[in-house]
Protein backbone atom coordinates (compact mmCIF):
# COMPACT_ATOMS: atom_id res chain seq x y z
CA UNK A 1 -37.54 12.94 -3.66
CA UNK A 2 -40.28 11.45 -1.60
CA UNK A 3 -39.96 8.43 1.11
CA UNK A 4 -41.65 6.28 -1.01
CA UNK A 5 -39.53 6.77 -4.04
CA UNK A 6 -36.61 6.33 -1.67
CA UNK A 7 -37.75 3.11 -0.59
CA UNK A 8 -38.57 1.74 -4.02
CA UNK A 9 -34.86 2.82 -5.19
CA UNK A 10 -33.60 0.65 -2.46
CA UNK A 11 -34.60 -2.39 -4.08
CA UNK A 12 -32.58 -2.07 -7.06
CA UNK A 13 -29.61 -0.69 -6.02
CA UNK A 14 -28.00 -3.94 -3.91
CA UNK A 15 -28.30 -5.23 -7.36
CA UNK A 16 -26.14 -2.40 -8.73
CA UNK A 17 -23.63 -3.12 -5.67
CA UNK A 18 -23.34 -6.75 -6.47
CA UNK A 19 -22.49 -6.34 -10.30
CA UNK A 20 -19.92 -4.04 -9.19
CA UNK A 21 -18.52 -6.23 -6.58
CA UNK A 22 -18.00 -8.84 -9.28
CA UNK A 23 -16.42 -6.39 -11.06
CA UNK A 24 -14.14 -5.07 -8.65
CA UNK A 25 -12.87 -8.66 -7.78
CA UNK A 26 -12.61 -9.65 -11.26
CA UNK A 27 -10.72 -7.05 -12.55
CA UNK A 28 -8.72 -5.65 -9.71
CA UNK A 29 -5.98 -8.71 -9.64
CA UNK A 30 -5.46 -8.34 -13.37
CA UNK A 31 -3.97 -4.88 -13.42
CA UNK A 32 -3.10 -2.05 -10.61
CA UNK A 33 -1.34 0.74 -12.86
CA UNK A 34 -4.47 2.21 -14.35
CA UNK A 35 -7.72 3.16 -12.96
CA UNK A 36 -10.97 4.05 -15.10
CA UNK A 37 -14.22 4.90 -13.89
CA UNK A 38 -16.58 2.21 -14.80
CA UNK A 39 -20.64 2.92 -14.35
CA UNK A 40 -23.04 0.39 -12.65
CA UNK A 41 -25.77 -1.56 -14.07
CA UNK A 42 -27.93 0.16 -16.56
CA UNK A 43 -30.70 2.43 -14.85
CA UNK A 44 -33.91 0.94 -14.66
CA UNK A 45 -37.32 2.47 -13.69
CA UNK A 46 -39.77 1.46 -11.13
CA UNK A 47 -43.27 2.31 -10.27
CA UNK A 48 -43.58 4.34 -6.92
CA UNK A 49 -45.90 2.42 -4.07
CA UNK A 50 -47.59 5.84 -3.12
CA UNK A 51 -48.47 6.74 -6.53
CA UNK A 52 -48.74 3.26 -8.84
CA UNK A 53 -48.70 5.91 -12.10
CA UNK A 54 -45.56 7.69 -11.27
CA UNK A 55 -42.08 6.07 -12.69
CA UNK A 56 -38.95 6.39 -10.24
CA UNK A 57 -35.55 6.41 -11.87
CA UNK A 58 -32.96 4.47 -9.58
CA UNK A 59 -29.89 5.73 -8.92
CA UNK A 60 -26.80 5.16 -11.27
CA UNK A 61 -23.59 4.93 -9.44
CA UNK A 62 -20.21 5.34 -10.67
CA UNK A 63 -17.32 3.37 -9.21
CA UNK A 64 -13.36 3.73 -10.28
CA UNK A 65 -11.87 0.42 -11.22
CA UNK A 66 -8.51 -0.70 -12.00
CA UNK A 67 -8.07 -1.64 -15.66
CA UNK A 68 -4.74 -2.11 -17.92
CA UNK A 69 -3.33 0.63 -19.47
CA UNK A 70 -5.50 1.46 -22.71
CA UNK A 71 -4.30 3.36 -25.62
CA UNK A 72 -5.10 7.30 -25.11
CA UNK A 73 -7.79 6.73 -27.86
CA UNK A 74 -9.93 4.48 -25.98
CA UNK A 75 -12.03 5.65 -24.09
CA UNK A 76 -14.91 3.80 -21.70
CA UNK A 77 -17.95 5.41 -22.23
CA UNK A 78 -19.69 7.19 -19.22
CA UNK A 79 -23.33 6.75 -18.30
CA UNK A 80 -25.88 9.67 -18.48
CA UNK A 81 -27.70 10.59 -15.97
CA UNK A 82 -27.36 11.29 -11.94
CA UNK A 83 -24.38 9.86 -10.56
CA UNK A 84 -22.84 9.59 -7.15
CA UNK A 85 -19.32 10.13 -6.70
CA UNK A 86 -17.27 10.65 -2.89
CA UNK A 87 -15.38 13.98 -3.05
CA UNK A 88 -13.81 15.90 -0.33
CA UNK A 89 -16.36 18.30 1.16
CA UNK A 90 -19.52 16.18 0.04
CA UNK A 91 -21.08 13.27 -1.64
CA UNK A 92 -22.06 14.25 -5.17
CA UNK A 93 -21.02 16.41 -8.37
CA UNK A 94 -18.62 18.99 -7.09
CA UNK A 95 -20.21 22.15 -8.78
CA UNK A 96 -24.12 21.25 -8.22
CA UNK A 97 -23.36 19.52 -5.10
CA UNK A 98 -25.46 16.70 -5.66
CA UNK A 99 -26.60 14.25 -3.01
CA UNK A 100 -26.52 10.60 -3.16
CA UNK A 101 -30.46 10.25 -4.04
CA UNK A 102 -29.28 12.32 -7.25
CA UNK A 103 -31.90 14.89 -6.74
CA UNK A 104 -32.19 16.17 -3.12
CA UNK A 105 -30.43 19.57 -2.33
CA UNK A 106 -29.24 21.22 0.93
CA UNK A 107 -32.80 20.85 3.20
CA UNK A 108 -33.88 18.06 0.75
CA UNK A 109 -34.75 14.36 1.73
CA UNK A 110 -30.61 13.29 1.60
CA UNK A 111 -28.85 12.29 4.39
CA UNK A 112 -27.08 15.74 5.70
CA UNK A 113 -24.68 14.25 7.52
CA UNK A 114 -23.45 11.40 4.88
CA UNK A 115 -23.10 14.25 2.36
CA UNK A 116 -20.82 16.52 4.29
CA UNK A 117 -18.24 14.08 5.18
CA UNK A 118 -14.79 14.22 3.60
CA UNK A 119 -13.00 11.60 1.72
CA UNK A 120 -9.73 11.68 3.19
CA UNK A 121 -11.02 11.91 6.91
CA UNK A 122 -13.90 10.00 7.68
CA UNK A 123 -14.19 9.69 11.41
CA UNK A 124 -17.40 7.93 11.32
CA UNK A 125 -17.29 6.16 8.29
CA UNK A 126 -13.89 4.92 7.47
CA UNK A 127 -13.61 2.88 10.38
CA UNK A 128 -10.41 0.91 11.47
CA UNK A 129 -11.71 -1.98 9.84
CA UNK A 130 -11.53 -0.03 6.43
CA UNK A 131 -8.08 0.91 6.95
CA UNK A 132 -6.71 -2.48 8.08
CA UNK A 133 -8.58 -3.90 5.25
CA UNK A 134 -7.15 -1.79 2.50
CA UNK A 135 -3.82 -1.84 3.96
CA UNK A 136 -3.68 -5.32 4.11
CA UNK A 137 -4.73 -5.53 0.25
CA UNK A 138 -1.87 -2.99 -0.46
CA UNK A 139 0.93 -4.70 1.47
CA UNK A 140 0.17 -8.08 -0.25
CA UNK A 141 0.01 -6.83 -3.67
CA UNK A 142 2.90 -4.43 -3.05
CA UNK A 143 5.39 -7.34 -1.82
CA UNK A 144 3.91 -9.91 -4.47
CA UNK A 145 4.33 -7.69 -7.46
CA UNK A 146 7.79 -6.30 -6.64
CA UNK A 147 9.42 -9.34 -4.70
CA UNK A 148 11.86 -10.62 -7.80
CA UNK A 149 13.25 -7.02 -7.69
CA UNK A 150 13.52 -7.28 -4.03
CA UNK A 151 15.33 -10.71 -4.66
CA UNK A 152 18.24 -9.08 -6.76
CA UNK A 153 18.36 -6.03 -4.03
CA UNK A 154 19.00 -8.31 -1.72
CA UNK A 155 21.66 -10.51 -3.43
CA UNK A 156 23.16 -7.07 -4.53
CA UNK A 157 23.28 -5.88 -1.25
CA UNK A 158 25.92 -8.67 -0.19
CA UNK A 159 29.58 -7.34 1.12
CA UNK A 160 31.12 -10.45 -0.46
CA UNK A 161 29.30 -12.07 -3.00
CA UNK A 162 30.01 -15.43 -4.55
CA UNK A 163 31.65 -14.69 -7.84
CA UNK A 164 29.05 -16.03 -9.76
CA UNK A 165 26.40 -13.85 -7.66
CA UNK A 166 27.93 -10.68 -8.95
CA UNK A 167 25.23 -8.30 -10.70
CA UNK A 168 25.73 -5.40 -12.56
CA UNK A 169 22.21 -4.51 -13.09
CA UNK A 170 18.66 -5.60 -12.03
CA UNK A 171 17.62 -7.23 -15.71
CA UNK A 172 20.75 -9.07 -16.12
CA UNK A 173 20.50 -10.54 -12.11
CA UNK A 174 17.08 -11.74 -12.90
CA UNK A 175 17.84 -13.24 -16.21
CA UNK A 176 20.95 -15.02 -14.77
CA UNK A 177 19.18 -16.29 -11.59
CA UNK A 178 16.53 -17.84 -13.58
CA UNK A 179 18.86 -19.26 -16.19
CA UNK A 180 21.10 -21.14 -13.84
CA UNK A 181 19.05 -21.28 -10.68
CA UNK A 182 15.60 -21.90 -12.38
CA UNK A 183 13.02 -20.13 -13.09
CA UNK A 184 10.85 -19.65 -9.80
CA UNK A 185 13.83 -19.26 -7.92
CA UNK A 186 13.36 -15.11 -7.55
CA UNK A 187 10.18 -15.97 -5.93
CA UNK A 188 11.44 -18.05 -2.86
CA UNK A 189 10.32 -16.61 0.26
CA UNK A 190 7.29 -14.96 -1.34
CA UNK A 191 4.66 -16.91 0.73
CA UNK A 192 6.42 -16.29 3.91
CA UNK A 193 6.42 -12.33 3.00
CA UNK A 194 2.80 -12.29 2.17
CA UNK A 195 1.75 -13.96 5.49
CA UNK A 196 3.33 -11.31 7.24
CA UNK A 197 2.89 -8.31 4.90
CA UNK A 198 -0.99 -8.40 5.13
CA UNK A 199 -1.01 -7.91 9.26
CA UNK A 200 1.63 -5.76 9.26
CA UNK A 201 0.34 -3.35 6.73
CA UNK A 202 -3.08 -3.77 8.40
CA UNK A 203 -1.90 -2.35 11.45
CA UNK A 204 0.50 -0.06 9.97
CA UNK A 205 -2.33 1.94 7.62
CA UNK A 206 -4.88 1.98 10.60
CA UNK A 207 -2.29 3.16 13.08
CA UNK A 208 -1.05 5.89 10.80
CA UNK A 209 -4.52 7.36 9.85
CA UNK A 210 -5.79 7.71 13.42
CA UNK A 211 -2.66 8.95 14.56
CA UNK A 212 -2.51 11.64 11.72
CA UNK A 213 -6.07 12.50 12.42
CA UNK A 214 -5.03 12.84 16.31
CA UNK A 215 -1.86 14.40 15.79
CA UNK A 216 -3.34 16.89 13.31
CA UNK A 217 -5.84 18.25 15.74
CA UNK A 218 -3.42 18.71 18.26
CA UNK A 219 -0.60 20.19 16.16
CA UNK A 220 -2.83 22.13 13.49
CA UNK A 221 -6.46 22.83 14.10
CA UNK A 222 -7.29 24.16 10.77
CA UNK A 223 -4.68 22.11 8.34
CA UNK A 224 -2.22 19.63 7.60
CA UNK A 225 0.71 19.17 9.79
CA UNK A 226 4.12 17.51 8.22
CA UNK A 227 5.22 16.99 11.99
CA UNK A 228 2.32 15.44 12.60
CA UNK A 229 2.67 12.84 9.52
CA UNK A 230 5.96 12.32 10.39
CA UNK A 231 5.41 11.28 13.90
CA UNK A 232 2.45 9.10 12.60
CA UNK A 233 4.35 7.43 10.38
CA UNK A 234 6.93 6.46 12.75
CA UNK A 235 4.61 5.58 15.35
CA UNK A 236 3.03 2.96 12.65
CA UNK A 237 6.51 1.88 11.91
CA UNK A 238 6.94 0.26 15.52
CA UNK A 239 3.80 -2.11 14.63
CA UNK A 240 4.45 -2.83 11.07
CA UNK A 241 7.96 -3.91 12.01
CA UNK A 242 7.19 -6.05 14.97
CA UNK A 243 5.31 -8.38 12.47
CA UNK A 244 7.66 -7.76 9.35
CA UNK A 245 10.94 -8.49 11.06
CA UNK A 246 10.79 -12.24 11.26
CA UNK A 247 9.53 -12.10 7.87
CA UNK A 248 12.36 -10.32 6.57
CA UNK A 249 14.69 -12.28 8.16
CA UNK A 250 13.29 -15.63 6.81
CA UNK A 251 12.81 -13.95 2.98
CA UNK A 252 16.19 -12.74 3.06
CA UNK A 253 18.23 -15.96 3.75
CA UNK A 254 16.20 -17.90 1.29
CA UNK A 255 16.90 -14.98 -1.14
CA UNK A 256 20.59 -15.42 -0.67
CA UNK A 257 22.63 -17.17 -3.56
CA UNK A 258 23.56 -20.92 -2.42
CA UNK A 259 20.99 -20.68 0.14
CA UNK A 260 21.18 -24.01 2.76
CA UNK A 261 17.16 -23.37 2.85
CA UNK A 262 14.82 -24.52 0.57
CA UNK A 263 11.80 -23.71 2.19
CA UNK A 264 10.64 -21.01 4.49
CA UNK A 265 9.26 -23.72 7.02
CA UNK A 266 12.75 -25.30 7.17
CA UNK A 267 14.72 -21.79 7.44
CA UNK A 268 12.52 -21.11 10.75
CA UNK A 269 12.99 -24.35 11.85
CA UNK A 270 16.82 -23.90 11.61
CA UNK A 271 17.14 -20.55 12.56
CA UNK A 272 15.00 -21.47 15.78
CA UNK A 273 17.01 -24.51 16.25
CA UNK A 274 20.81 -22.81 15.86
CA UNK A 275 20.25 -19.41 16.90
CA UNK A 276 17.17 -19.17 19.10
CA UNK A 277 14.09 -16.81 19.00
CA UNK A 278 16.30 -13.67 19.25
CA UNK A 279 17.60 -14.27 15.69
CA UNK A 280 14.17 -13.11 14.49
CA UNK A 281 14.79 -10.13 15.84
CA UNK A 282 18.52 -9.33 15.76
CA UNK A 283 18.28 -6.63 13.19
CA UNK A 284 14.89 -5.12 14.59
CA UNK A 285 16.71 -2.08 16.47
CA UNK A 286 18.54 -1.61 13.25
CA UNK A 287 15.01 -1.98 11.00
CA UNK A 288 13.59 0.77 13.32
CA UNK A 289 16.57 2.96 13.21
CA UNK A 290 16.23 2.46 9.10
CA UNK A 291 12.36 2.31 9.11
CA UNK A 292 11.67 5.40 11.48
CA UNK A 293 13.21 8.07 9.27
CA UNK A 294 11.98 6.20 5.85
CA UNK A 295 8.50 6.54 7.16
CA UNK A 296 8.74 9.85 8.32
CA UNK A 297 10.24 11.06 5.20
CA UNK A 298 8.01 8.89 3.17
CA UNK A 299 5.00 10.07 4.77
CA UNK A 300 6.08 13.71 5.11
CA UNK A 301 6.75 13.64 1.07
CA UNK A 302 3.66 12.11 0.43
CA UNK A 303 1.22 14.36 1.72
CA UNK A 304 3.41 17.22 0.82
CA UNK A 305 3.00 16.27 -3.10
CA UNK A 306 -0.53 15.23 -2.46
CA UNK A 307 -1.34 18.65 -1.40
CA UNK A 308 0.54 20.08 -4.53
CA UNK A 309 -1.07 17.90 -7.13
CA UNK A 310 -4.10 16.97 -5.59
CA UNK A 311 -5.35 19.91 -2.92
CA UNK A 312 -8.76 18.96 -2.93
CA UNK A 313 -7.69 15.32 -1.65
CA UNK A 314 -10.31 13.65 -4.42
CA UNK A 315 -9.85 10.19 -5.28
CA UNK A 316 -7.44 10.60 -8.08
CA UNK A 317 -5.21 7.55 -8.93
CA UNK A 318 -2.65 9.28 -10.95
CA UNK A 319 -2.04 11.54 -8.20
CA UNK A 320 -1.53 8.56 -5.76
CA UNK A 321 0.84 6.73 -8.20
CA UNK A 322 3.00 9.80 -8.64
CA UNK A 323 3.04 11.19 -4.98
CA UNK A 324 3.83 7.62 -3.54
CA UNK A 325 6.51 6.72 -6.37
CA UNK A 326 8.38 9.82 -5.53
CA UNK A 327 8.27 9.38 -1.82
CA UNK A 328 9.15 6.09 -1.88
CA UNK A 329 12.39 7.14 -4.08
CA UNK A 330 13.41 9.84 -2.11
CA UNK A 331 12.97 8.10 1.51
CA UNK A 332 14.82 4.79 -0.46
CA UNK A 333 18.01 6.34 -1.46
CA UNK A 334 18.33 8.72 1.96
CA UNK A 335 18.12 5.40 4.01
CA UNK A 336 20.18 2.97 1.86
CA UNK A 337 23.08 2.86 4.31
CA UNK A 338 20.96 1.70 6.94
CA UNK A 339 19.39 -0.95 4.67
CA UNK A 340 22.93 -2.55 4.00
CA UNK A 341 23.62 -2.87 7.69
CA UNK A 342 20.42 -4.69 7.99
CA UNK A 343 20.71 -6.82 5.48
CA UNK A 344 24.33 -7.64 6.83
CA UNK A 345 22.41 -8.76 10.01
CA UNK A 346 19.50 -10.30 8.49
CA UNK A 347 21.70 -12.73 6.37
CA UNK A 348 24.96 -13.02 8.64
CA UNK A 349 27.08 -13.69 5.67
CA UNK A 350 29.84 -15.97 6.45
CA UNK A 351 32.03 -15.28 4.10
CA UNK A 352 32.22 -11.43 4.71
CA UNK A 353 32.13 -11.89 8.40
CA UNK A 354 35.28 -14.07 8.22
CA UNK A 355 37.04 -11.51 6.23
CA UNK A 356 35.99 -9.07 8.89
CA UNK A 357 37.83 -11.28 11.44
CA UNK A 358 34.10 -11.43 13.09
CA UNK A 359 33.65 -14.47 15.39
CA UNK A 360 30.08 -16.00 16.18
CA UNK A 361 27.29 -13.98 15.37
CA UNK A 362 27.28 -10.31 14.32
CA UNK A 363 24.69 -8.29 16.29
CA UNK A 364 23.88 -4.54 16.72
CA UNK A 365 23.65 -1.42 14.52
CA UNK A 366 27.29 -0.09 15.40
CA UNK A 367 29.14 -2.97 15.01
CA UNK A 368 27.36 -3.67 11.46
CA UNK A 369 28.26 -0.20 10.21
CA UNK A 370 31.84 -0.58 11.52
CA UNK A 371 32.00 -4.26 9.59
CA UNK A 372 30.47 -2.82 6.62
CA UNK A 373 33.30 0.22 6.52
CA UNK A 374 35.84 -2.06 7.29
CA UNK A 375 35.03 -4.24 4.26
CA UNK A 376 34.09 -2.08 1.81
CA UNK A 377 34.46 1.52 2.94
CA UNK A 378 32.21 4.44 2.37
CA UNK A 379 30.86 3.10 -1.25
CA UNK A 380 29.85 0.17 0.90
CA UNK A 381 27.33 1.93 2.56
CA UNK A 382 25.55 2.36 -1.04
CA UNK A 383 25.54 -0.92 -2.25
CA UNK A 384 22.34 -2.03 -4.40
CA UNK A 385 20.90 1.62 -4.02
CA UNK A 386 20.03 1.54 -7.77
CA UNK A 387 17.98 -1.93 -7.33
CA UNK A 388 16.54 -0.29 -3.87
CA UNK A 389 15.26 2.86 -5.52
CA UNK A 390 13.96 0.91 -8.48
CA UNK A 391 12.00 -1.39 -5.94
CA UNK A 392 10.76 1.20 -3.78
CA UNK A 393 9.56 3.70 -6.39
CA UNK A 394 6.89 1.35 -7.89
CA UNK A 395 6.49 -0.44 -4.38
CA UNK A 396 5.20 2.96 -2.74
CA UNK A 397 3.27 3.70 -6.16
CA UNK A 398 1.38 0.33 -5.86
CA UNK A 399 0.81 0.65 -2.11
CA UNK A 400 -0.58 3.80 -2.03
CA UNK A 401 -2.59 3.37 -5.39
CA UNK A 402 -4.25 0.12 -3.76
CA UNK A 403 -4.71 1.39 -0.38
CA UNK A 404 -6.73 4.60 -1.56
CA UNK A 405 -8.44 2.79 -4.03
CA UNK A 406 -9.81 0.77 -1.42
CA UNK A 407 -10.35 3.01 1.20
CA UNK A 408 -12.33 4.80 -1.53
CA UNK A 409 -14.44 1.59 -2.45
CA UNK A 410 -15.07 0.68 1.12
CA UNK A 411 -15.77 4.10 2.51
CA UNK A 412 -18.25 4.61 -0.39
CA UNK A 413 -20.24 1.45 0.27
CA UNK A 414 -20.79 2.54 3.87
CA UNK A 415 -21.88 5.73 2.73
CA UNK A 416 -24.44 4.04 0.31
CA UNK A 417 -25.60 1.54 3.40
CA UNK A 418 -26.12 4.57 5.51
CA UNK A 419 -28.35 6.45 3.45
CA UNK A 420 -30.16 3.89 1.46
CA UNK A 421 -30.91 1.97 5.17
């Protein structure tokens, strides 16, 4: 394609991008489980400035958008003609190696650098802002969607619950909470969780991606190192928990049965006045002790499963959902004892502490472990394991699928802009 033809193509592509942006914003928040390729606006033809009698076809792009689950008989039509895809090892059709302009081959007029970049590792295209934006969206949606289950998990981990707050199943717990305490009761504390999840996950994914790339260069120059993934996940956890720990304290106190706090602001004010600033970080060491092994298992398992089900590291929503869900379930089950101790430190259950003859405030992971064993024995370390696994499995599936989706869209747009302009 000559330069004059490409200049004319640039007049039409921004319109297609605007159409895709509107569709993305409208459809994404309506569902998150199923992603489907959706074509851009119909291809139009123009006239070359250099050769007025010649028609120049514009580029037809294709973007994956999340849609609600459809019956297997329902299929959205794929647009005909050349399309643009972002795949490992190049931009364009896997077999033909098509470039972003739809016609150029190796040695042609297309941007060779943009066409040779990798989806999973784009050091020049996948900027820190891309990772942070995708991570923030993933964190907010993950915690928002799964918050009612998280509320039940917190109550089921109570060491000495009120007789009216003893639950045997997640569904039964949600039904009873909404019936006896109000329809919106399972969502109390959601606002403070969203405020913490956005910046926490933004730093979390940005740190993980950059540390993973750096450490893989150190540990394994020609492949993917599981050790590097585990260390990168541990480093990212330090930043994540520094932001999320205060939000967790407030959130869990609001979730407890017969909580004395009616709003996040009143909870923050009361805790600050009666227990001081340190109360917001009382469980920080326990949180790190839990989340560092959790995230190490999580990231190592996720990257390992991606190598098995998606070795080319294409953008594949199904593989991200499966790998993320299984990784989250395994990590959650393995770290449940630490989560029980964290919940005790965050909530400071008065009845449980009085039964254990603990005066004042309980602090320290060792004391928490001792108290749990004193009250419930070995079984106490696994209280709420079912709710925790059921919560974490879809949570990590949502988080990874949303993160990879936004990472794909933002990276693809950056490559479009670089090639066109």
